[in-house]
Protein backbone atom coordinates (compact mmCIF):
# COMPACT_ATOMS: atom_id res chain seq x y z
CA UNK A 1 0.00 0.00 0.00
CA UNK A 2 1.33 3.42 -0.98
CA UNK A 3 2.28 6.07 1.53
CA UNK A 4 0.47 9.42 1.32
CA UNK A 5 2.67 12.46 0.87
CA UNK A 6 2.02 15.79 2.49
CA UNK A 7 0.58 18.19 -0.15
CA UNK A 8 3.09 20.88 0.87
CA UNK A 9 5.95 18.55 -0.02
CA UNK A 10 4.53 18.19 -3.52
CA UNK A 11 4.02 21.95 -3.81
CA UNK A 12 7.53 22.87 -2.64
CA UNK A 13 9.09 20.07 -4.69
CA UNK A 14 9.07 22.53 -7.61
CA UNK A 15 12.34 24.48 -7.70
CA UNK A 16 10.72 27.90 -8.22
CA UNK A 17 8.37 27.50 -5.26
CA UNK A 18 11.13 26.15 -3.03
CA UNK A 19 13.42 29.08 -3.84
CA UNK A 20 10.61 31.56 -3.14
CA UNK A 21 10.08 29.91 0.24
CA UNK A 22 13.79 29.98 1.13
CA UNK A 23 14.33 33.54 -0.10
CA UNK A 24 11.30 34.76 1.83
CA UNK A 25 12.22 32.88 4.97
CA UNK A 26 15.97 33.48 5.10
CA UNK A 27 16.51 36.70 3.16
CA UNK A 28 13.23 38.62 3.65
CA UNK A 29 12.25 38.04 0.03
CA UNK A 30 15.58 39.15 -1.45
CA UNK A 31 16.28 36.88 -4.46
CA UNK A 32 19.43 35.17 -3.16
CA UNK A 33 18.63 31.71 -4.51
CA UNK A 34 17.37 30.98 -8.03
CA UNK A 35 15.52 27.88 -9.17
CA UNK A 36 18.59 26.63 -11.03
CA UNK A 37 20.59 26.75 -7.75
CA UNK A 38 18.32 24.07 -6.22
CA UNK A 39 18.79 20.32 -6.57
CA UNK A 40 16.66 17.38 -5.51
CA UNK A 41 18.98 16.89 -2.52
CA UNK A 42 18.22 20.44 -1.34
CA UNK A 43 14.47 19.81 -1.29
CA UNK A 44 14.40 16.33 0.18
CA UNK A 45 15.61 15.17 3.54
CA UNK A 46 16.11 11.51 4.29
CA UNK A 47 15.85 10.57 7.94
CA UNK A 48 14.66 12.56 10.90
CA UNK A 49 17.59 14.69 12.00
CA UNK A 50 17.23 17.65 9.64
CA UNK A 51 21.01 18.11 9.57
CA UNK A 52 21.24 18.05 5.77
CA UNK A 53 18.91 21.01 5.36
CA UNK A 54 20.41 22.84 8.33
CA UNK A 55 23.89 22.46 6.84
CA UNK A 56 22.74 23.70 3.42
CA UNK A 57 21.03 26.73 4.93
CA UNK A 58 24.04 27.49 7.11
CA UNK A 59 26.33 27.22 4.07
CA UNK A 60 24.23 29.83 2.22
CA UNK A 61 24.26 32.15 5.22
CA UNK A 62 28.03 31.74 5.63
CA UNK A 63 28.59 32.53 1.94
CA UNK A 64 26.49 35.68 2.25
CA UNK A 65 28.40 36.84 5.36
CA UNK A 66 31.76 36.21 3.68
CA UNK A 67 30.68 37.99 0.50
CA UNK A 68 29.61 41.08 2.47
CA UNK A 69 32.86 41.01 4.42
CA UNK A 70 35.02 40.72 1.29
CA UNK A 71 32.97 43.44 -0.41
CA UNK A 72 33.72 45.72 2.54
CA UNK A 73 37.41 45.14 1.88
CA UNK A 74 36.93 46.60 -1.59
CA UNK A 75 37.31 43.36 -3.53
CA UNK A 76 35.67 43.02 -6.93
CA UNK A 77 32.72 40.73 -7.61
CA UNK A 78 35.04 38.53 -9.67
CA UNK A 79 37.55 38.18 -6.82
CA UNK A 80 34.83 37.46 -4.25
CA UNK A 81 33.38 34.76 -6.54
CA UNK A 82 36.82 33.22 -6.99
CA UNK A 83 37.58 33.18 -3.26
CA UNK A 84 34.20 31.71 -2.30
CA UNK A 85 34.09 29.32 -5.31
CA UNK A 86 30.63 30.55 -6.32
CA UNK A 87 29.35 32.21 -9.48
CA UNK A 88 29.73 35.95 -10.06
CA UNK A 89 25.96 36.09 -10.60
CA UNK A 90 25.38 34.65 -7.13
CA UNK A 91 27.76 37.20 -5.61
CA UNK A 92 25.87 40.03 -7.34
CA UNK A 93 22.54 38.72 -6.00
CA UNK A 94 23.95 38.58 -2.47
CA UNK A 95 25.29 42.13 -2.64
CA UNK A 96 22.19 43.71 -4.20
């Protein structure tokens, strides 16, 4: 017999909806994440601990903090992206 899935899981399984949720929740609606930044692993959590999602969220927050810090040092978007190993587009979205 099949297991019923929570309707919200189905709704937020779509990348665009998931990124809207995360941007609204973590960044007050600022478009930090884009749908193409999200993978199946980001949306699904196996087990009960929640550590996978917590680690992913913390990684995004840490990247944003580092980007702001490096920007304050006068570094270019290109240099910040290189140092954080993220795309220049993502750096620009963080600093907007």
